[in-house]
C-alpha atoms as a PDB file:
ATOM      1  CA  MET A   1      45.401 155.481  77.764  1.00  0.00           C
ATOM      2  CA  GLU A   2      47.386 158.724  77.657  1.00  0.00           C
ATOM      3  CA  LEU A   3      50.571 156.843  78.551  1.00  0.00           C
ATOM      4  CA  ARG A   4      49.959 154.396  75.728  1.00  0.00           C
ATOM      5  CA  GLU A   5      49.439 157.230  73.250  1.00  0.00           C
ATOM      6  CA  ALA A   6      52.585 158.981  74.489  1.00  0.00           C
ATOM      7  CA  LEU A   7      54.633 155.805  74.007  1.00  0.00           C
ATOM      8  CA  SER A   8      53.151 155.402  70.529  1.00  0.00           C
ATOM      9  CA  HIS A   9      54.134 158.984  69.663  1.00  0.00           C
ATOM     10  CA  ILE A  10      57.669 158.375  70.922  1.00  0.00           C
ATOM     11  CA  ALA A  11      57.963 155.265  68.769  1.00  0.00           C
ATOM     12  CA  ASP A  12      56.741 157.215  65.734  1.00  0.00           C
ATOM     13  CA  ILE A  13      59.257 159.982  66.403  1.00  0.00           C
ATOM     14  CA  ARG A  14      62.091 157.468  66.702  1.00  0.00           C
ATOM     15  CA  ALA A  15      61.075 155.827  63.426  1.00  0.00           C
ATOM     16  CA  GLN A  16      60.991 159.220  61.704  1.00  0.00           C
ATOM     17  CA  VAL A  17      64.404 160.149  63.074  1.00  0.00           C
ATOM     18  CA  ALA A  18      65.785 156.820  61.866  1.00  0.00           C
ATOM     19  CA  ARG A  19      64.601 157.618  58.343  1.00  0.00           C
ATOM     20  CA  THR A  20      66.506 160.916  58.335  1.00  0.00           C
ATOM     21  CA  GLU A  21      69.725 159.650  59.934  1.00  0.00           C
ATOM     22  CA  THR A  22      72.760 158.391  58.006  1.00  0.00           C
ATOM     23  CA  PHE A  23      73.240 154.657  58.427  1.00  0.00           C
ATOM     24  CA  ARG A  24      76.762 153.711  59.507  1.00  0.00           C
ATOM     25  CA  GLY A  25      76.297 149.947  59.625  1.00  0.00           C
ATOM     26  CA  TYR A  26      77.814 149.302  56.198  1.00  0.00           C
ATOM     27  CA  ARG A  27      81.607 149.424  56.520  1.00  0.00           C
ATOM     28  CA  SER A  28      84.077 150.109  53.740  1.00  0.00           C
ATOM     29  CA  LEU A  29      86.191 147.058  54.560  1.00  0.00           C
ATOM     30  CA  THR A  30      83.301 144.632  54.216  1.00  0.00           C
ATOM     31  CA  VAL A  31      81.887 146.294  51.100  1.00  0.00           C
ATOM     32  CA  GLY A  32      85.380 146.365  49.575  1.00  0.00           C
ATOM     33  CA  PHE A  33      85.724 142.655  50.358  1.00  0.00           C
ATOM     34  CA  THR A  34      82.591 141.923  48.308  1.00  0.00           C
ATOM     35  CA  GLY A  35      84.105 143.838  45.384  1.00  0.00           C
ATOM     36  CA  LEU A  36      87.328 141.837  45.581  1.00  0.00           C
ATOM     37  CA  LEU A  37      85.257 138.670  45.855  1.00  0.00           C
ATOM     38  CA  ALA A  38      83.522 139.551  42.572  1.00  0.00           C
ATOM     39  CA  LEU A  39      86.901 140.037  40.884  1.00  0.00           C
ATOM     40  CA  ALA A  40      88.131 136.732  42.319  1.00  0.00           C
ATOM     41  CA  ALA A  41      85.009 134.933  41.053  1.00  0.00           C
ATOM     42  CA  ALA A  42      85.607 136.454  37.604  1.00  0.00           C
ATOM     43  CA  GLY A  43      89.159 135.119  37.692  1.00  0.00           C
ATOM     44  CA  LEU A  44      87.898 131.652  38.627  1.00  0.00           C
ATOM     45  CA  GLN A  45      85.346 131.714  35.837  1.00  0.00           C
ATOM     46  CA  SER A  46      88.030 132.742  33.360  1.00  0.00           C
ATOM     47  CA  ALA A  47      90.188 129.804  34.421  1.00  0.00           C
ATOM     48  CA  LEU A  48      87.539 127.113  34.870  1.00  0.00           C
ATOM     49  CA  LEU A  49      84.547 127.996  32.659  1.00  0.00           C
ATOM     50  CA  THR A  50      85.742 128.978  29.218  1.00  0.00           C
ATOM     51  CA  ASN A  51      82.261 128.447  27.760  1.00  0.00           C
ATOM     52  CA  PRO A  52      79.672 129.236  30.452  1.00  0.00           C
ATOM     53  CA  ALA A  53      76.754 128.844  28.019  1.00  0.00           C
ATOM     54  CA  GLU A  54      77.537 125.116  27.950  1.00  0.00           C
ATOM     55  CA  HIS A  55      78.153 124.896  31.697  1.00  0.00           C
ATOM     56  CA  VAL A  56      75.163 126.727  33.092  1.00  0.00           C
ATOM     57  CA  ARG A  57      75.174 124.910  36.422  1.00  0.00           C
ATOM     58  CA  GLY A  58      78.824 125.681  37.005  1.00  0.00           C
ATOM     59  CA  TYR A  59      78.315 129.330  36.088  1.00  0.00           C
ATOM     60  CA  LEU A  60      75.338 129.688  38.409  1.00  0.00           C
ATOM     61  CA  ALA A  61      77.066 127.808  41.224  1.00  0.00           C
ATOM     62  CA  LEU A  62      80.075 130.118  41.019  1.00  0.00           C
ATOM     63  CA  TRP A  63      78.173 133.395  41.089  1.00  0.00           C
ATOM     64  CA  ILE A  64      75.508 132.275  43.553  1.00  0.00           C
ATOM     65  CA  THR A  65      78.305 131.197  45.908  1.00  0.00           C
ATOM     66  CA  ALA A  66      79.999 134.586  45.501  1.00  0.00           C
ATOM     67  CA  ALA A  67      76.700 136.359  46.203  1.00  0.00           C
ATOM     68  CA  ALA A  68      75.995 134.152  49.232  1.00  0.00           C
ATOM     69  CA  LEU A  69      79.448 134.850  50.700  1.00  0.00           C
ATOM     70  CA  SER A  70      78.949 138.579  50.156  1.00  0.00           C
ATOM     71  CA  LEU A  71      75.551 138.517  51.859  1.00  0.00           C
ATOM     72  CA  LEU A  72      76.960 136.431  54.704  1.00  0.00           C
ATOM     73  CA  ALA A  73      79.807 138.892  55.290  1.00  0.00           C
ATOM     74  CA  ALA A  74      77.544 141.947  55.185  1.00  0.00           C
ATOM     75  CA  GLY A  75      74.773 140.317  57.210  1.00  0.00           C
ATOM     76  CA  THR A  76      77.149 139.066  59.902  1.00  0.00           C
ATOM     77  CA  GLU A  77      78.642 142.527  60.325  1.00  0.00           C
ATOM     78  CA  LEU A  78      75.209 144.163  60.536  1.00  0.00           C
ATOM     79  CA  CYS A  79      74.020 141.663  63.140  1.00  0.00           C
ATOM     80  CA  VAL A  80      77.175 141.938  65.247  1.00  0.00           C
ATOM     81  CA  ARG A  81      77.167 145.748  65.208  1.00  0.00           C
ATOM     82  CA  ALA A  82      73.437 145.939  65.964  1.00  0.00           C
ATOM     83  CA  TYR A  83      73.744 143.450  68.824  1.00  0.00           C
ATOM     84  CA  ALA A  84      76.761 145.255  70.297  1.00  0.00           C
ATOM     85  CA  SER A  85      75.130 148.682  70.080  1.00  0.00           C
ATOM     86  CA  SER A  86      73.304 150.047  73.094  1.00  0.00           C
ATOM     87  CA  SER A  87      71.465 152.576  70.914  1.00  0.00           C
ATOM     88  CA  ILE A  88      67.852 151.826  70.065  1.00  0.00           C
ATOM     89  CA  LEU A  89      68.142 154.236  67.118  1.00  0.00           C
ATOM     90  CA  ALA A  90      71.111 152.317  65.706  1.00  0.00           C
ATOM     91  CA  ARG A  91      69.128 149.083  65.842  1.00  0.00           C
ATOM     92  CA  GLN A  92      66.152 150.738  64.158  1.00  0.00           C
ATOM     93  CA  LEU A  93      68.440 152.047  61.416  1.00  0.00           C
ATOM     94  CA  THR A  94      69.826 148.551  60.882  1.00  0.00           C
ATOM     95  CA  ALA A  95      66.328 147.094  60.600  1.00  0.00           C
ATOM     96  CA  LEU A  96      65.320 149.864  58.186  1.00  0.00           C
ATOM     97  CA  ALA A  97      68.419 149.315  56.032  1.00  0.00           C
ATOM     98  CA  VAL A  98      67.710 145.586  55.789  1.00  0.00           C
ATOM     99  CA  GLU A  99      64.036 146.274  55.062  1.00  0.00           C
ATOM    100  CA  GLN A 100      64.951 148.586  52.169  1.00  0.00           C
ATOM    101  CA  PHE A 101      67.564 146.342  50.557  1.00  0.00           C
ATOM    102  CA  LEU A 102      66.106 142.870  51.142  1.00  0.00           C
ATOM    103  CA  PRO A 103      63.418 143.063  48.392  1.00  0.00           C
ATOM    104  CA  CYS A 104      66.061 143.345  45.649  1.00  0.00           C
ATOM    105  CA  VAL A 105      67.807 140.249  47.038  1.00  0.00           C
ATOM    106  CA  ALA A 106      64.532 138.317  47.076  1.00  0.00           C
ATOM    107  CA  ALA A 107      63.701 139.476  43.541  1.00  0.00           C
ATOM    108  CA  GLY A 108      67.146 138.410  42.355  1.00  0.00           C
ATOM    109  CA  ALA A 109      66.662 134.946  43.837  1.00  0.00           C
ATOM    110  CA  VAL A 110      63.257 134.547  42.171  1.00  0.00           C
ATOM    111  CA  VAL A 111      64.523 135.750  38.781  1.00  0.00           C
ATOM    112  CA  THR A 112      67.551 133.454  38.989  1.00  0.00           C
ATOM    113  CA  ALA A 113      65.412 130.432  39.845  1.00  0.00           C
ATOM    114  CA  ALA A 114      62.922 131.228  37.070  1.00  0.00           C
ATOM    115  CA  VAL A 115      65.590 131.557  34.384  1.00  0.00           C
ATOM    116  CA  ALA A 116      67.577 128.538  35.568  1.00  0.00           C
ATOM    117  CA  LEU A 117      64.561 126.237  35.809  1.00  0.00           C
ATOM    118  CA  ARG A 118      62.340 127.410  32.950  1.00  0.00           C
ATOM    119  CA  ALA A 119      64.413 129.449  30.485  1.00  0.00           C
ATOM    120  CA  ALA A 120      67.997 128.200  30.519  1.00  0.00           C
ATOM    121  CA  ASP A 121      68.546 129.533  26.984  1.00  0.00           C
ATOM    122  CA  TRP A 122      68.139 133.037  28.420  1.00  0.00           C
ATOM    123  CA  ILE A 123      70.831 132.597  31.057  1.00  0.00           C
ATOM    124  CA  TRP A 124      72.826 135.395  29.415  1.00  0.00           C
ATOM    125  CA  MET A 125      70.244 137.885  30.709  1.00  0.00           C
ATOM    126  CA  LEU A 126      71.003 137.167  34.364  1.00  0.00           C
ATOM    127  CA  PRO A 127      74.119 139.376  34.747  1.00  0.00           C
ATOM    128  CA  GLY A 128      72.176 142.385  33.445  1.00  0.00           C
ATOM    129  CA  LEU A 129      69.142 141.598  35.587  1.00  0.00           C
ATOM    130  CA  TRP A 130      71.313 141.116  38.672  1.00  0.00           C
ATOM    131  CA  SER A 131      72.955 144.472  38.049  1.00  0.00           C
ATOM    132  CA  VAL A 132      69.628 146.283  37.561  1.00  0.00           C
ATOM    133  CA  LEU A 133      68.090 144.741  40.688  1.00  0.00           C
ATOM    134  CA  PHE A 134      71.164 145.519  42.759  1.00  0.00           C
ATOM    135  CA  GLY A 135      71.078 149.106  41.540  1.00  0.00           C
ATOM    136  CA  LEU A 136      67.426 149.384  42.553  1.00  0.00           C
ATOM    137  CA  GLY A 137      68.313 148.055  45.995  1.00  0.00           C
ATOM    138  CA  ILE A 138      70.933 150.770  46.393  1.00  0.00           C
ATOM    139  CA  PHE A 139      68.453 153.401  45.176  1.00  0.00           C
ATOM    140  CA  ALA A 140      66.041 152.235  47.876  1.00  0.00           C
ATOM    141  CA  SER A 141      68.794 152.631  50.479  1.00  0.00           C
ATOM    142  CA  CYS A 142      70.176 155.957  49.244  1.00  0.00           C
ATOM    143  CA  ARG A 143      68.393 158.137  51.797  1.00  0.00           C
ATOM    144  CA  LEU A 144      70.232 156.297  54.582  1.00  0.00           C
ATOM    145  CA  LEU A 145      73.636 156.495  52.893  1.00  0.00           C
ATOM    146  CA  PRO A 146      76.019 159.250  51.715  1.00  0.00           C
ATOM    147  CA  ARG A 147      74.671 161.203  48.738  1.00  0.00           C
ATOM    148  CA  MET A 148      77.420 159.963  46.417  1.00  0.00           C
ATOM    149  CA  THR A 149      75.977 156.457  46.739  1.00  0.00           C
ATOM    150  CA  PHE A 150      73.328 157.625  44.258  1.00  0.00           C
ATOM    151  CA  PHE A 151      75.960 157.483  41.514  1.00  0.00           C
ATOM    152  CA  VAL A 152      76.878 153.911  42.426  1.00  0.00           C
ATOM    153  CA  ALA A 153      73.214 152.976  41.949  1.00  0.00           C
ATOM    154  CA  LEU A 154      73.234 154.734  38.563  1.00  0.00           C
ATOM    155  CA  TYR A 155      76.382 152.824  37.629  1.00  0.00           C
ATOM    156  CA  TYR A 156      74.691 149.491  38.325  1.00  0.00           C
ATOM    157  CA  LEU A 157      71.624 150.471  36.305  1.00  0.00           C
ATOM    158  CA  PHE A 158      73.838 151.601  33.423  1.00  0.00           C
ATOM    159  CA  CYS A 159      75.846 148.360  33.448  1.00  0.00           C
ATOM    160  CA  GLY A 160      72.642 146.330  33.585  1.00  0.00           C
ATOM    161  CA  ALA A 161      71.183 148.224  30.642  1.00  0.00           C
ATOM    162  CA  VAL A 162      74.358 147.699  28.607  1.00  0.00           C
ATOM    163  CA  LEU A 163      74.426 143.968  29.345  1.00  0.00           C
ATOM    164  CA  LEU A 164      70.739 143.528  28.528  1.00  0.00           C
ATOM    165  CA  VAL A 165      70.310 145.827  25.545  1.00  0.00           C
ATOM    166  CA  VAL A 166      73.676 146.516  23.906  1.00  0.00           C
ATOM    167  CA  ALA A 167      76.098 143.699  24.655  1.00  0.00           C
ATOM    168  CA  GLU A 168      76.163 140.379  22.839  1.00  0.00           C
ATOM    169  CA  PRO A 169      75.005 137.365  24.883  1.00  0.00           C
ATOM    170  CA  ALA A 170      78.523 135.918  24.802  1.00  0.00           C
ATOM    171  CA  PHE A 171      79.924 139.085  26.355  1.00  0.00           C
ATOM    172  CA  ALA A 172      77.184 139.171  29.006  1.00  0.00           C
ATOM    173  CA  LEU A 173      78.342 135.732  30.156  1.00  0.00           C
ATOM    174  CA  SER A 174      82.036 136.611  30.019  1.00  0.00           C
ATOM    175  CA  PRO A 175      83.790 136.645  33.409  1.00  0.00           C
ATOM    176  CA  TRP A 176      84.578 140.334  33.301  1.00  0.00           C
ATOM    177  CA  ALA A 177      80.998 141.386  32.623  1.00  0.00           C
ATOM    178  CA  MET A 178      80.216 140.379  36.204  1.00  0.00           C
ATOM    179  CA  GLY A 179      83.699 141.063  37.543  1.00  0.00           C
ATOM    180  CA  VAL A 180      83.891 144.638  36.307  1.00  0.00           C
ATOM    181  CA  THR A 181      80.254 145.450  37.095  1.00  0.00           C
ATOM    182  CA  PHE A 182      80.263 144.265  40.690  1.00  0.00           C
ATOM    183  CA  GLY A 183      83.971 144.636  41.396  1.00  0.00           C
ATOM    184  CA  VAL A 184      84.136 148.288  40.361  1.00  0.00           C
ATOM    185  CA  GLY A 185      80.685 149.017  41.808  1.00  0.00           C
ATOM    186  CA  GLN A 186      81.436 147.605  45.259  1.00  0.00           C
ATOM    187  CA  LEU A 187      84.935 149.060  45.461  1.00  0.00           C
ATOM    188  CA  SER A 188      83.489 152.457  44.537  1.00  0.00           C
ATOM    189  CA  ALA A 189      80.837 152.095  47.235  1.00  0.00           C
ATOM    190  CA  ALA A 190      83.555 151.150  49.731  1.00  0.00           C
ATOM    191  CA  ALA A 191      85.552 154.260  48.837  1.00  0.00           C
ATOM    192  CA  ILE A 192      82.478 156.461  49.309  1.00  0.00           C
ATOM    193  CA  LEU A 193      81.715 154.928  52.705  1.00  0.00           C
ATOM    194  CA  TYR A 194      85.279 155.449  53.836  1.00  0.00           C
ATOM    195  CA  LEU A 195      85.643 159.026  52.570  1.00  0.00           C
ATOM    196  CA  HIS A 196      82.197 160.312  53.566  1.00  0.00           C
ATOM    197  CA  LEU A 197      81.551 158.404  56.787  1.00  0.00           C
ATOM    198  CA  GLU A 198      84.527 156.680  58.346  1.00  0.00           C
ATOM    199  CA  ARG A 199      87.336 159.156  57.641  1.00  0.00           C
ATOM    200  CA  LEU A 200      85.067 162.096  58.418  1.00  0.00           C
ATOM    201  CA  HIS A 201      84.024 160.453  61.684  1.00  0.00           C
ATOM    202  CA  ASP A 202      87.634 159.743  62.638  1.00  0.00           C
ATOM    203  CA  SER A 203      88.708 163.311  61.895  1.00  0.00           C
ATOM    204  CA  ARG A 204      86.089 164.650  64.328  1.00  0.00           C
ATOM    205  CA  GLN A 205      87.324 162.556  67.205  1.00  0.00           C
END
């Protein structure tokens, strides 16, 4: 009984330590790739979908594909690094990071499906909603990431608010509404990860 309680206490301590550690599983190269992917998708939309309001399926297919590729790249890297690590703490941090960010992804999928299937006339709201939900996901992950990441989350919330409240629907569906929001946001996050985690880590070696 005492052994079982001791093991339980050790597990609790490890979980608490994981919550106070900085997560190093997100890498600047992968996050930067997702930013470039957003800019590339914006370029494709500009060339192929001059009037996205009349080609809702094409618009959704383009941006859902871009999001899926981004998630695949980030998820693959997290899985590979967690599997290769011999540290139990590193694996717990990975699980905690996924646990904190996954709800915003699920919410985004539900909102997208609801608008696409039941309120297609309100498709222009999706870029703003995506931005707000993504910002909330970063806020949820901030305690595991460098402090400057907080400003990236604020940036996404600001862009979402502008697209939902201030911008005209036509602008919200324009290619650069998504391209600038997610391109600049992800490239900024990549720069923060590199400057505050990777370069600092390399300089200590």
